[in-house]
Structures are given as C-alpha cells and as structure tokens.
Amino acid sequence: MGVPQHRQSKSRVRKRRAMWKLTAPNHIECPQCHKPKLPHYICPSCGYYNSKAIITMES
C-alpha cells in the first residue's frame, strides 16, 4: 500500500488542483419555442419536453 514518505510542496499541490474549475452548464435550443433550455429538463418558457406538452403555461 502506497504511503506518502515526504510532504508535497505547495507548487505541486497547486499544479494538480489547477484543473478543478467549474464549467458553465450546456444550453440547447428548445425545438418548440427556440429558446435556450437545459438538456433533459422541461422548457421553462413553453412547458414542453420530448415534443410533448408536460405542463400548461399561462400567457
């Protein structure tokens, strides 16, 4: 079993953690209303999911 024998320097730790960055969520175009929405979610503007009306939106 590997056990660390020496302390890792700050620069080595920071180089490893440099890739821990957040990415923005992907947005796709709703096929019904053509507004941006998150994939695999009901469209908040028209209420459609997978070309089916899931919720009715009041206008």
N, C-alpha and C. Protein backbone atom coordinates (compact mmCIF):
# COMPACT_ATOMS: atom_id res chain seq x y z
N MET A 1 0.85 -1.18 0.00
CA MET A 1 0.00 0.00 0.00
C MET A 1 0.89 1.23 0.00
N GLY A 2 0.61 2.17 -0.92
CA GLY A 2 1.44 3.36 -1.02
C GLY A 2 1.18 4.34 0.10
N VAL A 3 2.23 4.74 0.76
CA VAL A 3 2.14 5.70 1.86
C VAL A 3 3.07 6.85 1.53
N PRO A 4 2.61 8.11 1.59
CA PRO A 4 3.49 9.23 1.29
C PRO A 4 4.63 9.32 2.30
N GLN A 5 5.84 9.40 1.81
CA GLN A 5 7.02 9.48 2.67
C GLN A 5 7.45 10.92 2.92
N HIS A 6 7.09 11.84 2.01
CA HIS A 6 7.50 13.23 2.15
C HIS A 6 6.31 14.14 1.87
N ARG A 7 6.38 15.32 2.42
CA ARG A 7 5.32 16.31 2.22
C ARG A 7 5.40 16.84 0.80
N GLN A 8 4.24 17.00 0.15
CA GLN A 8 4.23 17.58 -1.20
C GLN A 8 4.31 19.09 -1.08
N SER A 9 5.07 19.70 -1.99
CA SER A 9 5.24 21.15 -1.96
C SER A 9 3.95 21.85 -2.39
N LYS A 10 3.85 23.13 -2.05
CA LYS A 10 2.66 23.92 -2.41
C LYS A 10 2.50 24.01 -3.92
N SER A 11 3.61 24.16 -4.64
CA SER A 11 3.50 24.29 -6.09
C SER A 11 3.01 23.01 -6.73
N ARG A 12 3.43 21.85 -6.23
CA ARG A 12 2.97 20.58 -6.78
C ARG A 12 1.48 20.38 -6.52
N VAL A 13 1.02 20.73 -5.32
CA VAL A 13 -0.40 20.61 -4.98
C VAL A 13 -1.21 21.58 -5.83
N ARG A 14 -0.75 22.79 -6.00
CA ARG A 14 -1.49 23.79 -6.76
C ARG A 14 -1.53 23.45 -8.25
N LYS A 15 -0.46 22.83 -8.76
CA LYS A 15 -0.49 22.40 -10.16
C LYS A 15 -1.55 21.33 -10.37
N ARG A 16 -1.69 20.42 -9.42
CA ARG A 16 -2.68 19.36 -9.54
C ARG A 16 -4.09 19.94 -9.43
N ARG A 17 -4.28 20.90 -8.54
CA ARG A 17 -5.62 21.47 -8.33
C ARG A 17 -6.00 22.53 -9.35
N ALA A 18 -5.11 22.88 -10.25
CA ALA A 18 -5.40 23.91 -11.24
C ALA A 18 -6.52 23.49 -12.19
N MET A 19 -6.75 22.18 -12.32
CA MET A 19 -7.80 21.69 -13.23
C MET A 19 -9.16 21.60 -12.55
N TRP A 20 -9.27 21.92 -11.29
CA TRP A 20 -10.54 21.84 -10.57
C TRP A 20 -11.35 23.10 -10.82
N LYS A 21 -11.76 23.34 -12.02
CA LYS A 21 -12.52 24.55 -12.30
C LYS A 21 -13.94 24.19 -12.70
N LEU A 22 -14.85 25.09 -12.45
CA LEU A 22 -16.24 24.87 -12.78
C LEU A 22 -16.46 25.16 -14.26
N THR A 23 -17.39 24.45 -14.87
CA THR A 23 -17.77 24.72 -16.25
C THR A 23 -19.22 25.16 -16.27
N ALA A 24 -19.54 26.02 -17.19
CA ALA A 24 -20.90 26.51 -17.31
C ALA A 24 -21.80 25.39 -17.84
N PRO A 25 -23.06 25.33 -17.41
CA PRO A 25 -23.94 24.27 -17.90
C PRO A 25 -24.25 24.46 -19.38
N ASN A 26 -24.41 23.35 -20.08
CA ASN A 26 -24.74 23.41 -21.50
C ASN A 26 -26.19 23.84 -21.66
N HIS A 27 -26.44 24.64 -22.69
CA HIS A 27 -27.80 25.03 -23.03
C HIS A 27 -28.07 24.58 -24.45
N ILE A 28 -29.26 24.07 -24.68
CA ILE A 28 -29.67 23.69 -26.03
C ILE A 28 -30.90 24.50 -26.39
N GLU A 29 -31.24 24.47 -27.67
CA GLU A 29 -32.39 25.22 -28.14
C GLU A 29 -33.63 24.34 -28.03
N CYS A 30 -34.69 24.88 -27.48
CA CYS A 30 -35.95 24.15 -27.38
C CYS A 30 -36.52 23.98 -28.79
N PRO A 31 -36.91 22.76 -29.18
CA PRO A 31 -37.43 22.57 -30.54
C PRO A 31 -38.80 23.22 -30.75
N GLN A 32 -39.52 23.54 -29.68
CA GLN A 32 -40.85 24.14 -29.81
C GLN A 32 -40.78 25.66 -29.90
N CYS A 33 -40.14 26.29 -28.91
CA CYS A 33 -40.15 27.77 -28.84
C CYS A 33 -38.80 28.39 -29.21
N HIS A 34 -37.77 27.57 -29.42
CA HIS A 34 -36.44 28.00 -29.84
C HIS A 34 -35.75 28.92 -28.84
N LYS A 35 -36.05 28.74 -27.57
CA LYS A 35 -35.36 29.47 -26.51
C LYS A 35 -34.38 28.52 -25.83
N PRO A 36 -33.31 29.05 -25.22
CA PRO A 36 -32.34 28.15 -24.58
C PRO A 36 -32.91 27.49 -23.33
N LYS A 37 -32.57 26.20 -23.18
CA LYS A 37 -33.01 25.45 -22.01
C LYS A 37 -31.93 24.43 -21.68
N LEU A 38 -31.99 23.89 -20.45
CA LEU A 38 -31.06 22.85 -20.05
C LEU A 38 -31.48 21.52 -20.67
N PRO A 39 -30.54 20.69 -21.09
CA PRO A 39 -30.92 19.40 -21.65
C PRO A 39 -31.54 18.49 -20.58
N HIS A 40 -32.50 17.67 -20.99
CA HIS A 40 -33.22 16.72 -20.13
C HIS A 40 -34.06 17.42 -19.07
N TYR A 41 -34.49 18.64 -19.34
CA TYR A 41 -35.38 19.38 -18.44
C TYR A 41 -36.58 19.88 -19.24
N ILE A 42 -37.68 20.11 -18.56
CA ILE A 42 -38.83 20.73 -19.20
C ILE A 42 -38.47 22.16 -19.53
N CYS A 43 -38.89 22.62 -20.70
CA CYS A 43 -38.61 24.00 -21.10
C CYS A 43 -39.38 24.95 -20.19
N PRO A 44 -38.70 25.90 -19.54
CA PRO A 44 -39.41 26.80 -18.62
C PRO A 44 -40.30 27.81 -19.32
N SER A 45 -40.10 28.04 -20.62
CA SER A 45 -40.91 29.05 -21.29
C SER A 45 -42.15 28.47 -21.97
N CYS A 46 -42.08 27.22 -22.49
CA CYS A 46 -43.26 26.67 -23.17
C CYS A 46 -43.82 25.43 -22.49
N GLY A 47 -43.07 24.77 -21.60
CA GLY A 47 -43.58 23.62 -20.87
C GLY A 47 -43.51 22.31 -21.63
N TYR A 48 -42.74 22.24 -22.70
CA TYR A 48 -42.63 21.01 -23.49
C TYR A 48 -41.39 20.22 -23.09
N TYR A 49 -41.51 18.90 -23.20
CA TYR A 49 -40.36 18.00 -23.03
C TYR A 49 -40.54 16.85 -23.99
N ASN A 50 -39.54 16.58 -24.82
CA ASN A 50 -39.56 15.49 -25.79
C ASN A 50 -40.76 15.59 -26.72
N SER A 51 -41.02 16.81 -27.19
CA SER A 51 -42.11 17.13 -28.12
C SER A 51 -43.50 16.83 -27.55
N LYS A 52 -43.64 16.82 -26.23
CA LYS A 52 -44.93 16.61 -25.58
C LYS A 52 -45.15 17.72 -24.58
N ALA A 53 -46.40 18.22 -24.52
CA ALA A 53 -46.74 19.26 -23.55
C ALA A 53 -46.87 18.60 -22.18
N ILE A 54 -45.96 18.95 -21.28
CA ILE A 54 -45.96 18.35 -19.94
C ILE A 54 -46.75 19.24 -18.99
N ILE A 55 -46.50 20.53 -19.02
CA ILE A 55 -47.23 21.47 -18.19
C ILE A 55 -47.82 22.55 -19.09
N THR A 56 -48.96 23.09 -18.69
CA THR A 56 -49.58 24.16 -19.48
C THR A 56 -49.09 25.49 -18.93
N MET A 57 -48.68 26.35 -19.82
CA MET A 57 -48.16 27.66 -19.42
C MET A 57 -49.24 28.70 -19.65
N GLU A 58 -49.44 29.58 -18.66
CA GLU A 58 -50.40 30.67 -18.81
C GLU A 58 -49.74 31.81 -19.55
N SER A 59 -50.46 32.40 -20.50
CA SER A 59 -49.86 33.50 -21.25
C SER A 59 -50.41 34.85 -20.82
